[in-house]
Amino acid sequence: MSDVISPCPNASINDPLTQGRRHSGRPPVLCEAERRDRIFDAAEQVLQKHGYSGASMDRIAQCSNMSKKTLYHMFSSKQEMVEQLLRDRLLLSGLRDLELQGETIEDKLVFGLQALGTTMMEEKRLNLIRVVISEVSRNPEASRFVREFFSSENGPFPLRLWLEKFCDQGLLVIEDVEEASDILFGGALATFVLCELSHCRPRQYWRENPEYLHKVVAMFLKELKKENGA
């Protein structure tokens, strides 16, 4: 029997799991992608409230208003569900094949960083990061799990992959792509992500000042040329 949309128990009217989903008559049947996204939303809420240890499949099923059987049909265990949740919402795998637009390398990197920043700073993704930070600081089991997850072969960060492609195409020469990716991300977006996580805004917010990213990328490319003796 297909799962249908119904409000999460004890959810408020403004709850994102229920907002915009109230219909008269029979609730619409969820497709698999919608069901998966709804389970992830519920898992985030339960993780935020109960932590990793207390986030049982029973609680996630209840919050998503789906049967426990449905959850186990889609995920073999809670750990697999959380792994896929992190892969989907933290590793940003959907951006790896993004076609970077622009006439120059600088333009293309700015385009990619704008997409990366917009995606990373979605509220549901920030909430998940907050949960992860909270859990790894107090729960050895969660700390070990997160450390193993991010050290496993889950695929490269999109920015690193874009730089590798530019190197493969002969457009850039970078000795250590992973380090270069960290440097560029740190200069372009890391501070803003931290400000978002702490619910504050810097004076020069990147969305309101697109020239900021151009300046960061221009300095990054200038340093690469100096390193390569150009």
C-alpha atoms as a PDB file:
ATOM      1  CA  MET A   1       0.000   0.000   0.000  1.00  0.00           C
ATOM      2  CA  SER A   2       1.412   3.401  -0.994  1.00  0.00           C
ATOM      3  CA  ASP A   3       2.266   5.960   1.633  1.00  0.00           C
ATOM      4  CA  VAL A   4       0.337   9.190   1.487  1.00  0.00           C
ATOM      5  CA  ILE A   5       1.054  12.644   2.820  1.00  0.00           C
ATOM      6  CA  SER A   6      -0.221  13.479   6.270  1.00  0.00           C
ATOM      7  CA  PRO A   7       1.055  15.885   8.904  1.00  0.00           C
ATOM      8  CA  CYS A   8       3.970  14.905  11.111  1.00  0.00           C
ATOM      9  CA  PRO A   9       2.792  14.233  14.678  1.00  0.00           C
ATOM     10  CA  ASN A  10       3.092  17.307  16.871  1.00  0.00           C
ATOM     11  CA  ALA A  11       4.262  19.340  13.864  1.00  0.00           C
ATOM     12  CA  SER A  12       3.402  23.012  13.805  1.00  0.00           C
ATOM     13  CA  ILE A  13       1.492  24.695  11.011  1.00  0.00           C
ATOM     14  CA  ASN A  14       4.737  26.219   9.808  1.00  0.00           C
ATOM     15  CA  ASP A  15       6.587  22.914   9.796  1.00  0.00           C
ATOM     16  CA  PRO A  16       8.268  22.441   6.367  1.00  0.00           C
ATOM     17  CA  LEU A  17       7.118  18.829   6.345  1.00  0.00           C
ATOM     18  CA  THR A  18       3.473  19.886   6.361  1.00  0.00           C
ATOM     19  CA  GLN A  19       3.490  23.338   4.850  1.00  0.00           C
ATOM     20  CA  GLY A  20       1.874  23.467   1.446  1.00  0.00           C
ATOM     21  CA  ARG A  21       0.721  19.855   1.663  1.00  0.00           C
ATOM     22  CA  ARG A  22      -2.753  20.275   3.067  1.00  0.00           C
ATOM     23  CA  HIS A  23      -5.436  19.207   0.629  1.00  0.00           C
ATOM     24  CA  SER A  24      -9.114  18.482   0.864  1.00  0.00           C
ATOM     25  CA  GLY A  25     -10.195  14.943   0.115  1.00  0.00           C
ATOM     26  CA  ARG A  26      -7.786  12.054  -0.313  1.00  0.00           C
ATOM     27  CA  PRO A  27      -4.074  13.005   0.087  1.00  0.00           C
ATOM     28  CA  PRO A  28      -1.950  12.552  -3.052  1.00  0.00           C
ATOM     29  CA  VAL A  29       0.273   9.488  -3.334  1.00  0.00           C
ATOM     30  CA  LEU A  30       3.981  10.242  -3.006  1.00  0.00           C
ATOM     31  CA  CYS A  31       6.376   9.238  -5.756  1.00  0.00           C
ATOM     32  CA  GLU A  32       9.603   7.571  -4.664  1.00  0.00           C
ATOM     33  CA  ALA A  33      11.673  10.779  -4.905  1.00  0.00           C
ATOM     34  CA  GLU A  34       9.134  12.700  -2.801  1.00  0.00           C
ATOM     35  CA  ARG A  35       8.941   9.858  -0.300  1.00  0.00           C
ATOM     36  CA  ARG A  36      12.727   9.776  -0.007  1.00  0.00           C
ATOM     37  CA  ASP A  37      12.948  13.544   0.478  1.00  0.00           C
ATOM     38  CA  ARG A  38      10.207  13.441   3.098  1.00  0.00           C
ATOM     39  CA  ILE A  39      12.016  10.694   5.003  1.00  0.00           C
ATOM     40  CA  PHE A  40      15.223  12.748   4.902  1.00  0.00           C
ATOM     41  CA  ASP A  41      13.357  15.814   6.196  1.00  0.00           C
ATOM     42  CA  ALA A  42      11.896  13.725   9.019  1.00  0.00           C
ATOM     43  CA  ALA A  43      15.278  12.162   9.799  1.00  0.00           C
ATOM     44  CA  GLU A  44      16.806  15.629  10.108  1.00  0.00           C
ATOM     45  CA  GLN A  45      14.110  16.713  12.545  1.00  0.00           C
ATOM     46  CA  VAL A  46      14.485  13.575  14.664  1.00  0.00           C
ATOM     47  CA  LEU A  47      18.295  13.841  14.636  1.00  0.00           C
ATOM     48  CA  GLN A  48      18.045  17.452  15.716  1.00  0.00           C
ATOM     49  CA  LYS A  49      15.729  16.613  18.593  1.00  0.00           C
ATOM     50  CA  HIS A  50      17.039  13.243  19.786  1.00  0.00           C
ATOM     51  CA  GLY A  51      20.593  12.971  18.430  1.00  0.00           C
ATOM     52  CA  TYR A  52      22.025  10.062  16.469  1.00  0.00           C
ATOM     53  CA  SER A  53      21.618   7.482  19.236  1.00  0.00           C
ATOM     54  CA  GLY A  54      18.009   8.455  19.901  1.00  0.00           C
ATOM     55  CA  ALA A  55      17.003   8.763  16.247  1.00  0.00           C
ATOM     56  CA  SER A  56      15.289   5.402  15.966  1.00  0.00           C
ATOM     57  CA  MET A  57      13.618   4.164  12.819  1.00  0.00           C
ATOM     58  CA  ASP A  58      10.351   4.152  14.799  1.00  0.00           C
ATOM     59  CA  ARG A  59      10.644   7.873  15.502  1.00  0.00           C
ATOM     60  CA  ILE A  60      11.605   8.677  11.910  1.00  0.00           C
ATOM     61  CA  ALA A  61       8.701   6.609  10.595  1.00  0.00           C
ATOM     62  CA  GLN A  62       6.286   8.362  12.941  1.00  0.00           C
ATOM     63  CA  CYS A  63       7.560  11.838  12.019  1.00  0.00           C
ATOM     64  CA  SER A  64       7.418  11.113   8.286  1.00  0.00           C
ATOM     65  CA  ASN A  65       3.969   9.512   8.663  1.00  0.00           C
ATOM     66  CA  MET A  66       5.201   6.446   6.830  1.00  0.00           C
ATOM     67  CA  SER A  67       5.322   2.864   7.912  1.00  0.00           C
ATOM     68  CA  LYS A  68       8.490   1.428   9.366  1.00  0.00           C
ATOM     69  CA  LYS A  69       8.225  -1.209   6.660  1.00  0.00           C
ATOM     70  CA  THR A  70       8.515   1.518   4.016  1.00  0.00           C
ATOM     71  CA  LEU A  71      11.662   2.872   5.652  1.00  0.00           C
ATOM     72  CA  TYR A  72      13.288  -0.552   5.709  1.00  0.00           C
ATOM     73  CA  HIS A  73      12.244  -1.115   2.104  1.00  0.00           C
ATOM     74  CA  MET A  74      14.247   1.984   1.122  1.00  0.00           C
ATOM     75  CA  PHE A  75      17.091   1.705   3.665  1.00  0.00           C
ATOM     76  CA  SER A  76      18.502  -1.435   5.240  1.00  0.00           C
ATOM     77  CA  SER A  77      19.359   0.355   8.497  1.00  0.00           C
ATOM     78  CA  LYS A  78      19.437   3.697  10.258  1.00  0.00           C
ATOM     79  CA  GLN A  79      23.137   4.022   9.466  1.00  0.00           C
ATOM     80  CA  GLU A  80      22.503   3.535   5.744  1.00  0.00           C
ATOM     81  CA  MET A  81      19.740   6.167   5.886  1.00  0.00           C
ATOM     82  CA  VAL A  82      22.017   8.677   7.597  1.00  0.00           C
ATOM     83  CA  GLU A  83      24.853   7.886   5.175  1.00  0.00           C
ATOM     84  CA  GLN A  84      22.588   8.587   2.209  1.00  0.00           C
ATOM     85  CA  LEU A  85      21.236  11.694   3.925  1.00  0.00           C
ATOM     86  CA  LEU A  86      24.765  13.055   4.368  1.00  0.00           C
ATOM     87  CA  ARG A  87      25.744  12.062   0.840  1.00  0.00           C
ATOM     88  CA  ASP A  88      22.673  13.761  -0.596  1.00  0.00           C
ATOM     89  CA  ARG A  89      22.754  16.953   1.462  1.00  0.00           C
ATOM     90  CA  LEU A  90      26.347  17.481   2.533  1.00  0.00           C
ATOM     91  CA  LEU A  91      28.548  16.068  -0.227  1.00  0.00           C
ATOM     92  CA  LEU A  92      26.614  18.030  -2.888  1.00  0.00           C
ATOM     93  CA  SER A  93      27.001  15.220  -5.421  1.00  0.00           C
ATOM     94  CA  GLY A  94      24.405  16.833  -7.671  1.00  0.00           C
ATOM     95  CA  LEU A  95      26.823  19.687  -8.418  1.00  0.00           C
ATOM     96  CA  ARG A  96      29.695  17.524  -9.629  1.00  0.00           C
ATOM     97  CA  ASP A  97      28.443  17.480 -13.217  1.00  0.00           C
ATOM     98  CA  LEU A  98      27.369  21.132 -13.220  1.00  0.00           C
ATOM     99  CA  GLU A  99      28.250  22.812 -16.519  1.00  0.00           C
ATOM    100  CA  LEU A 100      30.212  25.885 -15.502  1.00  0.00           C
ATOM    101  CA  GLN A 101      29.193  28.867 -17.601  1.00  0.00           C
ATOM    102  CA  GLY A 102      31.339  31.834 -18.565  1.00  0.00           C
ATOM    103  CA  GLU A 103      33.870  32.985 -21.131  1.00  0.00           C
ATOM    104  CA  THR A 104      36.952  32.742 -18.896  1.00  0.00           C
ATOM    105  CA  ILE A 105      38.219  30.394 -16.188  1.00  0.00           C
ATOM    106  CA  GLU A 106      37.494  33.141 -13.672  1.00  0.00           C
ATOM    107  CA  ASP A 107      33.889  33.462 -14.862  1.00  0.00           C
ATOM    108  CA  LYS A 108      33.392  29.698 -14.781  1.00  0.00           C
ATOM    109  CA  LEU A 109      34.761  29.362 -11.253  1.00  0.00           C
ATOM    110  CA  VAL A 110      32.637  32.271 -10.022  1.00  0.00           C
ATOM    111  CA  PHE A 111      29.569  30.624 -11.585  1.00  0.00           C
ATOM    112  CA  GLY A 112      30.396  27.361  -9.811  1.00  0.00           C
ATOM    113  CA  LEU A 113      31.061  29.047  -6.473  1.00  0.00           C
ATOM    114  CA  GLN A 114      27.749  30.900  -6.670  1.00  0.00           C
ATOM    115  CA  ALA A 115      25.931  27.603  -7.256  1.00  0.00           C
ATOM    116  CA  LEU A 116      27.937  25.943  -4.490  1.00  0.00           C
ATOM    117  CA  GLY A 117      27.215  28.738  -2.011  1.00  0.00           C
ATOM    118  CA  THR A 118      23.513  28.848  -2.802  1.00  0.00           C
ATOM    119  CA  THR A 119      23.180  25.087  -2.398  1.00  0.00           C
ATOM    120  CA  MET A 120      25.287  24.835   0.756  1.00  0.00           C
ATOM    121  CA  MET A 121      23.384  27.615   2.488  1.00  0.00           C
ATOM    122  CA  GLU A 122      19.922  26.173   2.058  1.00  0.00           C
ATOM    123  CA  GLU A 123      18.372  26.087   5.508  1.00  0.00           C
ATOM    124  CA  LYS A 124      17.777  22.328   5.564  1.00  0.00           C
ATOM    125  CA  ARG A 125      21.437  21.732   4.725  1.00  0.00           C
ATOM    126  CA  LEU A 126      22.611  24.177   7.386  1.00  0.00           C
ATOM    127  CA  ASN A 127      20.365  22.465   9.940  1.00  0.00           C
ATOM    128  CA  LEU A 128      21.964  19.125   9.102  1.00  0.00           C
ATOM    129  CA  ILE A 129      25.459  20.582   9.497  1.00  0.00           C
ATOM    130  CA  ARG A 130      24.433  21.939  12.909  1.00  0.00           C
ATOM    131  CA  VAL A 131      23.228  18.466  13.912  1.00  0.00           C
ATOM    132  CA  VAL A 132      26.471  16.849  12.753  1.00  0.00           C
ATOM    133  CA  ILE A 133      28.597  19.409  14.622  1.00  0.00           C
ATOM    134  CA  SER A 134      26.567  18.902  17.779  1.00  0.00           C
ATOM    135  CA  GLU A 135      26.694  15.113  17.591  1.00  0.00           C
ATOM    136  CA  VAL A 136      30.409  14.686  16.897  1.00  0.00           C
ATOM    137  CA  SER A 137      31.240  16.874  19.899  1.00  0.00           C
ATOM    138  CA  ARG A 138      29.271  14.790  22.394  1.00  0.00           C
ATOM    139  CA  ASN A 139      28.769  11.319  20.963  1.00  0.00           C
ATOM    140  CA  PRO A 140      31.796   9.034  20.303  1.00  0.00           C
ATOM    141  CA  GLU A 141      29.686   6.713  18.159  1.00  0.00           C
ATOM    142  CA  ALA A 142      28.506   9.567  15.942  1.00  0.00           C
ATOM    143  CA  SER A 143      32.006  11.049  15.836  1.00  0.00           C
ATOM    144  CA  ARG A 144      33.457   7.761  14.605  1.00  0.00           C
ATOM    145  CA  PHE A 145      30.672   7.314  12.081  1.00  0.00           C
ATOM    146  CA  VAL A 146      31.046  10.841  10.610  1.00  0.00           C
ATOM    147  CA  ARG A 147      34.847  10.541  10.473  1.00  0.00           C
ATOM    148  CA  GLU A 148      34.634   7.244   8.608  1.00  0.00           C
ATOM    149  CA  PHE A 149      31.962   8.597   6.293  1.00  0.00           C
ATOM    150  CA  PHE A 150      33.948  11.626   5.186  1.00  0.00           C
ATOM    151  CA  SER A 151      37.150   9.617   4.793  1.00  0.00           C
ATOM    152  CA  SER A 152      35.477   6.983   2.636  1.00  0.00           C
ATOM    153  CA  GLU A 153      35.201   6.936  -1.136  1.00  0.00           C
ATOM    154  CA  ASN A 154      32.002   8.976  -1.357  1.00  0.00           C
ATOM    155  CA  GLY A 155      33.334  11.103  -4.188  1.00  0.00           C
ATOM    156  CA  PRO A 156      35.226  14.387  -4.328  1.00  0.00           C
ATOM    157  CA  PHE A 157      33.907  17.788  -3.321  1.00  0.00           C
ATOM    158  CA  PRO A 158      32.495  19.515  -6.467  1.00  0.00           C
ATOM    159  CA  LEU A 159      35.019  22.380  -6.379  1.00  0.00           C
ATOM    160  CA  ARG A 160      37.913  19.929  -6.306  1.00  0.00           C
ATOM    161  CA  LEU A 161      36.413  18.036  -9.237  1.00  0.00           C
ATOM    162  CA  TRP A 162      36.000  21.249 -11.274  1.00  0.00           C
ATOM    163  CA  LEU A 163      39.647  22.161 -10.706  1.00  0.00           C
ATOM    164  CA  GLU A 164      40.733  18.657 -11.713  1.00  0.00           C
ATOM    165  CA  LYS A 165      38.774  18.974 -14.953  1.00  0.00           C
ATOM    166  CA  PHE A 166      40.433  22.296 -15.738  1.00  0.00           C
ATOM    167  CA  CYS A 167      43.812  20.653 -15.150  1.00  0.00           C
ATOM    168  CA  ASP A 168      42.906  17.704 -17.389  1.00  0.00           C
ATOM    169  CA  GLN A 169      41.898  20.161 -20.105  1.00  0.00           C
ATOM    170  CA  GLY A 170      45.223  21.968 -19.796  1.00  0.00           C
ATOM    171  CA  LEU A 171      43.550  25.178 -18.652  1.00  0.00           C
ATOM    172  CA  LEU A 172      45.167  25.193 -15.199  1.00  0.00           C
ATOM    173  CA  VAL A 173      48.341  23.769 -13.692  1.00  0.00           C
ATOM    174  CA  ILE A 174      47.890  22.832 -10.028  1.00  0.00           C
ATOM    175  CA  GLU A 175      50.348  20.720  -8.065  1.00  0.00           C
ATOM    176  CA  ASP A 176      47.974  19.823  -5.227  1.00  0.00           C
ATOM    177  CA  VAL A 177      44.343  20.074  -6.328  1.00  0.00           C
ATOM    178  CA  GLU A 178      42.913  19.119  -2.941  1.00  0.00           C
ATOM    179  CA  GLU A 179      44.880  21.865  -1.194  1.00  0.00           C
ATOM    180  CA  ALA A 180      43.970  24.396  -3.902  1.00  0.00           C
ATOM    181  CA  SER A 181      40.293  23.485  -3.541  1.00  0.00           C
ATOM    182  CA  ASP A 182      40.484  24.048   0.228  1.00  0.00           C
ATOM    183  CA  ILE A 183      42.204  27.414  -0.253  1.00  0.00           C
ATOM    184  CA  LEU A 184      39.683  28.657  -2.817  1.00  0.00           C
ATOM    185  CA  PHE A 185      36.679  27.462  -0.831  1.00  0.00           C
ATOM    186  CA  GLY A 186      38.113  28.976   2.348  1.00  0.00           C
ATOM    187  CA  GLY A 187      38.616  32.367   0.756  1.00  0.00           C
ATOM    188  CA  ALA A 188      35.348  32.415  -1.154  1.00  0.00           C
ATOM    189  CA  LEU A 189      32.679  30.803   1.008  1.00  0.00           C
ATOM    190  CA  ALA A 190      33.857  29.311   4.312  1.00  0.00           C
ATOM    191  CA  THR A 191      33.387  32.485   6.360  1.00  0.00           C
ATOM    192  CA  PHE A 192      29.893  32.977   5.000  1.00  0.00           C
ATOM    193  CA  VAL A 193      28.933  29.387   5.792  1.00  0.00           C
ATOM    194  CA  LEU A 194      30.102  29.901   9.389  1.00  0.00           C
ATOM    195  CA  CYS A 195      28.085  33.124   9.601  1.00  0.00           C
ATOM    196  CA  GLU A 196      25.003  31.326   8.326  1.00  0.00           C
ATOM    197  CA  LEU A 197      25.506  28.509  10.819  1.00  0.00           C
ATOM    198  CA  SER A 198      25.690  31.023  13.660  1.00  0.00           C
ATOM    199  CA  HIS A 199      22.668  32.965  12.353  1.00  0.00           C
ATOM    200  CA  CYS A 200      24.548  36.149  11.580  1.00  0.00           C
ATOM    201  CA  ARG A 201      25.575  38.000   8.433  1.00  0.00           C
ATOM    202  CA  PRO A 202      28.878  39.645   7.540  1.00  0.00           C
ATOM    203  CA  ARG A 203      28.748  43.232   6.303  1.00  0.00           C
ATOM    204  CA  GLN A 204      29.848  42.218   2.832  1.00  0.00           C
ATOM    205  CA  TYR A 205      27.485  39.358   2.111  1.00  0.00           C
ATOM    206  CA  TRP A 206      28.492  37.489  -1.052  1.00  0.00           C
ATOM    207  CA  ARG A 207      25.038  37.309  -2.648  1.00  0.00           C
ATOM    208  CA  GLU A 208      24.699  41.067  -2.444  1.00  0.00           C
ATOM    209  CA  ASN A 209      28.208  41.695  -3.739  1.00  0.00           C
ATOM    210  CA  PRO A 210      29.020  39.401  -6.667  1.00  0.00           C
ATOM    211  CA  GLU A 211      32.306  41.231  -7.233  1.00  0.00           C
ATOM    212  CA  TYR A 212      33.588  39.659  -4.008  1.00  0.00           C
ATOM    213  CA  LEU A 213      33.789  36.208  -5.608  1.00  0.00           C
ATOM    214  CA  HIS A 214      35.457  37.651  -8.707  1.00  0.00           C
ATOM    215  CA  LYS A 215      38.130  39.241  -6.500  1.00  0.00           C
ATOM    216  CA  VAL A 216      38.754  36.000  -4.603  1.00  0.00           C
ATOM    217  CA  VAL A 217      38.986  33.910  -7.774  1.00  0.00           C
ATOM    218  CA  ALA A 218      41.217  36.495  -9.482  1.00  0.00           C
ATOM    219  CA  MET A 219      43.650  36.409  -6.529  1.00  0.00           C
ATOM    220  CA  PHE A 220      43.542  32.598  -6.515  1.00  0.00           C
ATOM    221  CA  LEU A 221      44.415  32.411 -10.232  1.00  0.00           C
ATOM    222  CA  LYS A 222      47.127  35.056  -9.827  1.00  0.00           C
ATOM    223  CA  GLU A 223      48.794  33.008  -7.107  1.00  0.00           C
ATOM    224  CA  LEU A 224      48.647  29.894  -9.289  1.00  0.00           C
ATOM    225  CA  LYS A 225      50.458  31.740 -12.055  1.00  0.00           C
ATOM    226  CA  LYS A 226      53.139  32.908  -9.610  1.00  0.00           C
ATOM    227  CA  GLU A 227      53.642  29.361  -8.347  1.00  0.00           C
ATOM    228  CA  ASN A 228      54.048  28.128 -11.904  1.00  0.00           C
ATOM    229  CA  GLY A 229      56.502  30.917 -12.794  1.00  0.00           C
ATOM    230  CA  ALA A 230      54.102  32.559 -15.245  1.00  0.00           C
END
